[in-house]
PDB file of N, CA and C in Angstrom:
ATOM      1  N   MET A   1       0.880  -1.398  -0.691  1.00  0.00           N
ATOM      2  CA  MET A   1      -0.008  -0.368   0.217  1.00  0.00           C
ATOM      3  C   MET A   1       0.747   1.052  -0.140  1.00  0.00           C
ATOM      4  N   SER A   2       0.495   2.513  -0.356  1.00  0.00           N
ATOM      5  CA  SER A   2       1.214   3.299  -0.491  1.00  0.00           C
ATOM      6  C   SER A   2       0.364   4.641   0.593  1.00  0.00           C
ATOM      7  N   CYS A   3       2.725   5.018   0.585  1.00  0.00           N
ATOM      8  CA  CYS A   3       1.825   6.054   2.307  1.00  0.00           C
ATOM      9  C   CYS A   3       1.596   6.968   1.598  1.00  0.00           C
ATOM     10  N   TYR A   4       0.786   7.821   0.674  1.00  0.00           N
ATOM     11  CA  TYR A   4       0.397   9.593   0.168  1.00  0.00           C
ATOM     12  C   TYR A   4      -1.221   8.688   0.294  1.00  0.00           C
ATOM     13  N   THR A   5      -2.017   7.714   0.011  1.00  0.00           N
ATOM     14  CA  THR A   5      -3.404   8.084  -0.072  1.00  0.00           C
ATOM     15  C   THR A   5      -4.042   7.943   1.137  1.00  0.00           C
ATOM     16  N   ARG A   6      -3.303   8.302   2.134  1.00  0.00           N
ATOM     17  CA  ARG A   6      -3.789   8.970   2.849  1.00  0.00           C
ATOM     18  C   ARG A   6      -4.897  10.599   3.098  1.00  0.00           C
ATOM     19  N   HIS A   7      -3.917  10.598   2.272  1.00  0.00           N
ATOM     20  CA  HIS A   7      -3.391  12.310   1.826  1.00  0.00           C
ATOM     21  C   HIS A   7      -4.770  12.801   0.579  1.00  0.00           C
ATOM     22  N   LEU A   8      -4.596  12.144   0.437  1.00  0.00           N
ATOM     23  CA  LEU A   8      -5.437  11.811  -1.294  1.00  0.00           C
ATOM     24  C   LEU A   8      -7.206  12.142  -0.234  1.00  0.00           C
ATOM     25  N   GLY A   9      -8.235  11.731   0.431  1.00  0.00           N
ATOM     26  CA  GLY A   9      -8.894  12.080   0.511  1.00  0.00           C
ATOM     27  C   GLY A   9      -9.868  12.133   0.533  1.00  0.00           C
ATOM     28  N   ASP A  10      -9.918  12.973  -0.709  1.00  0.00           N
ATOM     29  CA  ASP A  10     -10.955  13.721  -1.396  1.00  0.00           C
ATOM     30  C   ASP A  10     -11.476  13.241  -2.879  1.00  0.00           C
ATOM     31  N   TRP A  11     -10.179  12.260  -2.794  1.00  0.00           N
ATOM     32  CA  TRP A  11     -10.263  11.698  -3.611  1.00  0.00           C
ATOM     33  C   TRP A  11     -10.934   9.836  -3.952  1.00  0.00           C
ATOM     34  N   LEU A  12     -11.801  10.412  -2.584  1.00  0.00           N
ATOM     35  CA  LEU A  12     -11.579   8.322  -1.720  1.00  0.00           C
ATOM     36  C   LEU A  12     -12.728   8.647  -1.442  1.00  0.00           C
ATOM     37  N   PRO A  13     -14.267   7.488  -1.304  1.00  0.00           N
ATOM     38  CA  PRO A  13     -15.110   7.352  -1.008  1.00  0.00           C
ATOM     39  C   PRO A  13     -14.954   7.527   0.201  1.00  0.00           C
ATOM     40  N   PRO A  14     -16.656   7.721   0.647  1.00  0.00           N
ATOM     41  CA  PRO A  14     -16.407   8.212   2.979  1.00  0.00           C
ATOM     42  C   PRO A  14     -15.790   5.933   3.052  1.00  0.00           C
ATOM     43  N   ASP A  15     -14.838   6.464   3.999  1.00  0.00           N
ATOM     44  CA  ASP A  15     -14.802   5.460   4.884  1.00  0.00           C
ATOM     45  C   ASP A  15     -13.937   4.371   3.693  1.00  0.00           C
ATOM     46  N   PRO A  16     -13.456   4.842   3.355  1.00  0.00           N
ATOM     47  CA  PRO A  16     -12.357   4.245   2.343  1.00  0.00           C
ATOM     48  C   PRO A  16     -12.076   3.380   2.760  1.00  0.00           C
ATOM     49  N   THR A  17     -12.262   1.554   1.568  1.00  0.00           N
ATOM     50  CA  THR A  17     -11.099  -0.140   2.612  1.00  0.00           C
ATOM     51  C   THR A  17     -10.053  -0.070   1.453  1.00  0.00           C
ATOM     52  N   TRP A  18      -8.567  -0.899   2.730  1.00  0.00           N
ATOM     53  CA  TRP A  18      -8.125  -0.902   1.742  1.00  0.00           C
ATOM     54  C   TRP A  18      -7.752  -1.197  -0.431  1.00  0.00           C
ATOM     55  N   LEU A  19      -9.485  -1.535  -0.362  1.00  0.00           N
ATOM     56  CA  LEU A  19      -9.219  -2.107  -1.698  1.00  0.00           C
ATOM     57  C   LEU A  19      -9.645  -0.716  -2.688  1.00  0.00           C
ATOM     58  N   ASP A  20      -9.769   0.024  -1.783  1.00  0.00           N
ATOM     59  CA  ASP A  20      -9.667   1.220  -3.311  1.00  0.00           C
ATOM     60  C   ASP A  20      -9.489   2.526  -2.175  1.00  0.00           C
ATOM     61  N   ARG A  21      -7.927   2.429  -1.744  1.00  0.00           N
ATOM     62  CA  ARG A  21      -5.973   2.943  -1.728  1.00  0.00           C
ATOM     63  C   ARG A  21      -5.794   2.274  -2.717  1.00  0.00           C
ATOM     64  N   ARG A  22      -5.979   0.372  -2.767  1.00  0.00           N
ATOM     65  CA  ARG A  22      -5.398   0.159  -3.921  1.00  0.00           C
ATOM     66  C   ARG A  22      -5.251   0.376  -4.913  1.00  0.00           C
ATOM     67  N   ALA A  23      -6.599   0.647  -4.643  1.00  0.00           N
ATOM     68  CA  ALA A  23      -7.294   0.764  -6.255  1.00  0.00           C
ATOM     69  C   ALA A  23      -6.544   2.129  -6.919  1.00  0.00           C
ATOM     70  N   LEU A  24      -6.915   3.356  -6.075  1.00  0.00           N
ATOM     71  CA  LEU A  24      -6.100   4.571  -6.219  1.00  0.00           C
ATOM     72  C   LEU A  24      -5.402   4.249  -6.694  1.00  0.00           C
ATOM     73  N   ASP A  25      -4.339   3.870  -5.817  1.00  0.00           N
ATOM     74  CA  ASP A  25      -2.650   3.895  -5.838  1.00  0.00           C
ATOM     75  C   ASP A  25      -2.567   3.157  -7.250  1.00  0.00           C
ATOM     76  N   GLU A  26      -2.495   2.437  -7.738  1.00  0.00           N
ATOM     77  CA  GLU A  26      -2.404   1.571  -9.236  1.00  0.00           C
ATOM     78  C   GLU A  26      -2.942   2.254 -10.070  1.00  0.00           C
ATOM     79  N   ALA A  27      -4.247   2.962  -9.817  1.00  0.00           N
ATOM     80  CA  ALA A  27      -4.211   3.997 -11.322  1.00  0.00           C
ATOM     81  C   ALA A  27      -3.563   4.897 -11.573  1.00  0.00           C
ATOM     82  N   LEU A  28      -3.034   5.636 -10.027  1.00  0.00           N
ATOM     83  CA  LEU A  28      -2.347   7.061  -9.999  1.00  0.00           C
ATOM     84  C   LEU A  28      -1.317   7.076 -10.977  1.00  0.00           C
ATOM     85  N   ARG A  29      -0.615   5.573 -10.615  1.00  0.00           N
ATOM     86  CA  ARG A  29       0.902   4.960 -10.922  1.00  0.00           C
ATOM     87  C   ARG A  29       1.088   5.014 -12.500  1.00  0.00           C
ATOM     88  N   GLU A  30      -0.168   4.014 -12.634  1.00  0.00           N
ATOM     89  CA  GLU A  30      -0.768   3.758 -14.124  1.00  0.00           C
ATOM     90  C   GLU A  30      -0.845   5.293 -14.943  1.00  0.00           C
ATOM     91  N   GLU A  31      -1.301   5.859 -14.724  1.00  0.00           N
ATOM     92  CA  GLU A  31      -1.484   7.289 -14.836  1.00  0.00           C
ATOM     93  C   GLU A  31      -0.004   8.243 -14.935  1.00  0.00           C
ATOM     94  N   LEU A  32       0.307   7.897 -14.593  1.00  0.00           N
ATOM     95  CA  LEU A  32       1.657   8.498 -14.297  1.00  0.00           C
ATOM     96  C   LEU A  32       3.067   8.279 -14.407  1.00  0.00           C
ATOM     97  N   GLY A  33       2.254   6.560 -15.464  1.00  0.00           N
ATOM     98  CA  GLY A  33       3.890   5.642 -15.604  1.00  0.00           C
ATOM     99  C   GLY A  33       4.707   5.897 -14.569  1.00  0.00           C
ATOM    100  N   MET A  34       4.087   4.803 -13.292  1.00  0.00           N
ATOM    101  CA  MET A  34       5.889   4.891 -12.081  1.00  0.00           C
ATOM    102  C   MET A  34       5.431   3.586 -11.458  1.00  0.00           C
ATOM    103  N   ALA A  35       4.707   2.742 -12.357  1.00  0.00           N
ATOM    104  CA  ALA A  35       4.362   1.643 -11.687  1.00  0.00           C
ATOM    105  C   ALA A  35       5.150   0.558 -10.753  1.00  0.00           C
ATOM    106  N   ASP A  36       6.534   1.327 -10.558  1.00  0.00           N
ATOM    107  CA  ASP A  36       8.242   0.461 -10.144  1.00  0.00           C
ATOM    108  C   ASP A  36       8.847   1.805  -9.169  1.00  0.00           C
ATOM    109  N   ALA A  37       7.750   3.188  -9.359  1.00  0.00           N
ATOM    110  CA  ALA A  37       8.200   3.797  -8.118  1.00  0.00           C
ATOM    111  C   ALA A  37       8.071   3.918  -6.446  1.00  0.00           C
ATOM    112  N   ASP A  38       8.650   4.288  -6.095  1.00  0.00           N
ATOM    113  CA  ASP A  38       8.946   4.063  -4.287  1.00  0.00           C
ATOM    114  C   ASP A  38       7.916   4.882  -4.415  1.00  0.00           C
ATOM    115  N   CYS A  39       7.520   5.402  -3.264  1.00  0.00           N
ATOM    116  CA  CYS A  39       6.299   6.207  -2.085  1.00  0.00           C
ATOM    117  C   CYS A  39       6.639   7.419  -2.647  1.00  0.00           C
ATOM    118  N   PRO A  40       7.725   7.843  -2.180  1.00  0.00           N
ATOM    119  CA  PRO A  40       8.214   9.244  -2.116  1.00  0.00           C
ATOM    120  C   PRO A  40       8.419  10.056  -3.277  1.00  0.00           C
ATOM    121  N   GLU A  41       8.687   9.414  -4.012  1.00  0.00           N
ATOM    122  CA  GLU A  41       8.556   9.369  -5.944  1.00  0.00           C
ATOM    123  C   GLU A  41       7.340   9.479  -6.516  1.00  0.00           C
ATOM    124  N   VAL A  42       6.348   8.728  -6.415  1.00  0.00           N
ATOM    125  CA  VAL A  42       4.687   8.773  -6.953  1.00  0.00           C
ATOM    126  C   VAL A  42       3.876  10.094  -6.024  1.00  0.00           C
ATOM    127  N   TRP A  43       4.253   9.999  -4.731  1.00  0.00           N
ATOM    128  CA  TRP A  43       3.595  11.883  -4.165  1.00  0.00           C
ATOM    129  C   TRP A  43       4.168  12.890  -4.857  1.00  0.00           C
ATOM    130  N   SER A  44       5.547  12.808  -5.151  1.00  0.00           N
ATOM    131  CA  SER A  44       5.851  13.966  -5.732  1.00  0.00           C
ATOM    132  C   SER A  44       5.163  14.493  -6.354  1.00  0.00           C
ATOM    133  N   ALA A  45       4.950  13.410  -8.116  1.00  0.00           N
ATOM    134  CA  ALA A  45       4.400  13.264  -8.793  1.00  0.00           C
ATOM    135  C   ALA A  45       2.868  14.061  -8.933  1.00  0.00           C
ATOM    136  N   VAL A  46       2.113  13.312  -7.422  1.00  0.00           N
ATOM    137  CA  VAL A  46       0.732  13.296  -7.948  1.00  0.00           C
ATOM    138  C   VAL A  46       0.600  14.894  -7.435  1.00  0.00           C
ATOM    139  N   LYS A  47       2.179  15.239  -6.431  1.00  0.00           N
ATOM    140  CA  LYS A  47       2.042  16.579  -5.792  1.00  0.00           C
ATOM    141  C   LYS A  47       1.466  17.844  -7.091  1.00  0.00           C
ATOM    142  N   THR A  48       2.491  17.595  -8.099  1.00  0.00           N
ATOM    143  CA  THR A  48       2.703  18.239  -9.238  1.00  0.00           C
ATOM    144  C   THR A  48       1.915  18.102 -10.123  1.00  0.00           C
ATOM    145  N   ASN A  49       1.087  16.781 -10.261  1.00  0.00           N
ATOM    146  CA  ASN A  49       0.745  16.866 -11.913  1.00  0.00           C
ATOM    147  C   ASN A  49      -1.348  16.553 -10.999  1.00  0.00           C
ATOM    148  N   ARG A  50      -1.594  17.210  -9.802  1.00  0.00           N
ATOM    149  CA  ARG A  50      -2.811  17.428  -8.984  1.00  0.00           C
ATOM    150  C   ARG A  50      -3.761  17.429  -9.734  1.00  0.00           C
ATOM    151  N   ASP A  51      -3.685  18.715 -10.360  1.00  0.00           N
ATOM    152  CA  ASP A  51      -4.796  19.836 -11.399  1.00  0.00           C
ATOM    153  C   ASP A  51      -5.508  17.738 -12.452  1.00  0.00           C
ATOM    154  N   ARG A  52      -4.148  18.077 -13.008  1.00  0.00           N
ATOM    155  CA  ARG A  52      -4.386  17.155 -14.250  1.00  0.00           C
ATOM    156  C   ARG A  52      -5.169  15.493 -13.580  1.00  0.00           C
ATOM    157  N   LEU A  53      -4.799  15.363 -12.967  1.00  0.00           N
ATOM    158  CA  LEU A  53      -5.037  14.089 -12.051  1.00  0.00           C
ATOM    159  C   LEU A  53      -6.101  13.750 -11.685  1.00  0.00           C
ATOM    160  N   ALA A  54      -6.735  14.866 -11.033  1.00  0.00           N
ATOM    161  CA  ALA A  54      -7.862  15.128 -10.481  1.00  0.00           C
ATOM    162  C   ALA A  54      -9.466  15.216 -11.374  1.00  0.00           C
ATOM    163  N   ILE A  55      -8.738  16.605 -12.666  1.00  0.00           N
ATOM    164  CA  ILE A  55      -9.694  15.625 -14.119  1.00  0.00           C
ATOM    165  C   ILE A  55     -10.230  14.977 -15.119  1.00  0.00           C
ATOM    166  N   ALA A  56      -8.277  14.047 -14.479  1.00  0.00           N
ATOM    167  CA  ALA A  56      -8.799  11.958 -14.979  1.00  0.00           C
ATOM    168  C   ALA A  56      -9.957  11.624 -14.109  1.00  0.00           C
ATOM    169  N   LEU A  57      -9.651  12.073 -12.827  1.00  0.00           N
ATOM    170  CA  LEU A  57     -10.496  10.987 -11.920  1.00  0.00           C
ATOM    171  C   LEU A  57     -12.356  11.480 -12.045  1.00  0.00           C
ATOM    172  N   LYS A  58     -12.548  12.922 -12.923  1.00  0.00           N
ATOM    173  CA  LYS A  58     -13.782  13.061 -13.004  1.00  0.00           C
ATOM    174  C   LYS A  58     -14.237  12.811 -13.434  1.00  0.00           C
ATOM    175  N   ARG A  59     -13.497  12.582 -15.079  1.00  0.00           N
ATOM    176  CA  ARG A  59     -14.029  11.452 -16.103  1.00  0.00           C
ATOM    177  C   ARG A  59     -13.927   9.940 -15.384  1.00  0.00           C
ATOM    178  N   GLY A  60     -13.955  10.072 -15.340  1.00  0.00           N
ATOM    179  CA  GLY A  60     -13.582   8.200 -14.843  1.00  0.00           C
ATOM    180  C   GLY A  60     -12.195   7.582 -15.138  1.00  0.00           C
ATOM    181  N   GLY A  61     -11.407   8.648 -15.273  1.00  0.00           N
ATOM    182  CA  GLY A  61      -9.795   8.198 -15.690  1.00  0.00           C
ATOM    183  C   GLY A  61      -9.659   7.130 -14.546  1.00  0.00           C
ATOM    184  N   LEU A  62      -9.638   7.605 -14.148  1.00  0.00           N
ATOM    185  CA  LEU A  62      -8.679   6.993 -12.487  1.00  0.00           C
ATOM    186  C   LEU A  62      -9.236   5.451 -11.316  1.00  0.00           C
ATOM    187  N   ARG A  63     -10.056   4.892 -12.110  1.00  0.00           N
ATOM    188  CA  ARG A  63     -11.819   5.143 -10.859  1.00  0.00           C
ATOM    189  C   ARG A  63     -11.337   3.773 -10.664  1.00  0.00           C
ATOM    190  N   ARG A  64     -10.586   2.656 -11.289  1.00  0.00           N
ATOM    191  CA  ARG A  64      -9.967   1.029 -11.150  1.00  0.00           C
ATOM    192  C   ARG A  64      -8.983   0.486 -11.539  1.00  0.00           C
ATOM    193  N   GLY A  65      -7.788   0.914 -11.572  1.00  0.00           N
ATOM    194  CA  GLY A  65      -6.654   0.936 -11.532  1.00  0.00           C
ATOM    195  C   GLY A  65      -6.695   0.035 -12.859  1.00  0.00           C
ATOM    196  N   THR A  66      -5.564  -0.588 -12.687  1.00  0.00           N
ATOM    197  CA  THR A  66      -4.941  -1.715 -13.130  1.00  0.00           C
ATOM    198  C   THR A  66      -5.087  -2.912 -12.866  1.00  0.00           C
ATOM    199  N   THR A  67      -6.789  -3.046 -11.625  1.00  0.00           N
ATOM    200  CA  THR A  67      -6.738  -4.547 -11.262  1.00  0.00           C
ATOM    201  C   THR A  67      -7.862  -4.947 -12.206  1.00  0.00           C
ATOM    202  N   PRO A  68      -7.632  -6.032 -12.979  1.00  0.00           N
ATOM    203  CA  PRO A  68      -9.496  -6.319 -14.228  1.00  0.00           C
ATOM    204  C   PRO A  68     -10.615  -6.677 -13.675  1.00  0.00           C
ATOM    205  N   GLU A  69     -11.697  -6.200 -13.238  1.00  0.00           N
ATOM    206  CA  GLU A  69     -12.420  -6.700 -11.630  1.00  0.00           C
ATOM    207  C   GLU A  69     -13.448  -7.791 -12.918  1.00  0.00           C
ATOM    208  N   PRO A  70     -13.382  -8.924 -11.961  1.00  0.00           N
ATOM    209  CA  PRO A  70     -13.782 -10.021 -12.435  1.00  0.00           C
ATOM    210  C   PRO A  70     -15.225 -10.708 -13.193  1.00  0.00           C
ATOM    211  N   ALA A  71     -15.441 -11.150 -14.010  1.00  0.00           N
ATOM    212  CA  ALA A  71     -16.280 -11.356 -15.048  1.00  0.00           C
ATOM    213  C   ALA A  71     -17.272 -11.559 -14.779  1.00  0.00           C
ATOM    214  N   GLU A  72     -17.619 -12.280 -13.905  1.00  0.00           N
ATOM    215  CA  GLU A  72     -18.186 -12.835 -13.028  1.00  0.00           C
ATOM    216  C   GLU A  72     -19.314 -11.134 -12.301  1.00  0.00           C
ATOM    217  N   HIS A  73     -18.591 -11.098 -12.209  1.00  0.00           N
ATOM    218  CA  HIS A  73     -18.998  -9.320 -11.343  1.00  0.00           C
ATOM    219  C   HIS A  73     -19.210  -8.532 -12.525  1.00  0.00           C
ATOM    220  N   ARG A  74     -18.899  -8.402 -13.391  1.00  0.00           N
ATOM    221  CA  ARG A  74     -19.033  -8.024 -14.518  1.00  0.00           C
ATOM    222  C   ARG A  74     -20.902  -8.374 -15.308  1.00  0.00           C
ATOM    223  N   ASP A  75     -20.984  -9.193 -15.189  1.00  0.00           N
ATOM    224  CA  ASP A  75     -21.972 -10.065 -16.037  1.00  0.00           C
ATOM    225  C   ASP A  75     -23.383  -9.549 -14.689  1.00  0.00           C
ATOM    226  N   GLU A  76     -23.122  -9.555 -13.861  1.00  0.00           N
ATOM    227  CA  GLU A  76     -23.640  -9.338 -12.706  1.00  0.00           C
ATOM    228  C   GLU A  76     -24.410  -8.154 -12.551  1.00  0.00           C
ATOM    229  N   GLN A  77     -24.049  -7.606 -12.850  1.00  0.00           N
ATOM    230  CA  GLN A  77     -23.984  -5.381 -13.005  1.00  0.00           C
ATOM    231  C   GLN A  77     -24.571  -5.390 -14.185  1.00  0.00           C
ATOM    232  N   ASP A  78     -23.768  -5.775 -15.401  1.00  0.00           N
ATOM    233  CA  ASP A  78     -24.839  -5.937 -16.963  1.00  0.00           C
ATOM    234  C   ASP A  78     -26.123  -6.409 -16.974  1.00  0.00           C
ATOM    235  N   GLY A  79     -26.600  -7.832 -15.877  1.00  0.00           N
ATOM    236  CA  GLY A  79     -27.784  -8.175 -16.239  1.00  0.00           C
ATOM    237  C   GLY A  79     -28.222  -7.014 -15.399  1.00  0.00           C
ATOM    238  N   ALA A  80     -27.808  -6.363 -14.596  1.00  0.00           N
ATOM    239  CA  ALA A  80     -28.917  -4.737 -13.468  1.00  0.00           C
ATOM    240  C   ALA A  80     -29.528  -4.314 -13.825  1.00  0.00           C
ATOM    241  N   ARG A  81     -29.014  -3.976 -15.195  1.00  0.00           N
ATOM    242  CA  ARG A  81     -29.623  -2.620 -16.394  1.00  0.00           C
ATOM    243  C   ARG A  81     -30.312  -2.414 -17.338  1.00  0.00           C
TER     244      ARG A  81
END
């Protein structure tokens, strides 16, 4: 888990779980191209690019991260619509 996600409460749901924090961390690292970077390096890049990342988050570009959603969960959601 990344040390900086605690500073991004405005980008997380109320009462975030570790899965929410992990998904945000993965998505930010992917967007920044820093998958293998250490936490302080990523946090510095997040602070530098916060406005751009916030726009991507609002349009849904950072919501799911790189962890794929299980196929059975997608099927359940599609069937509910």
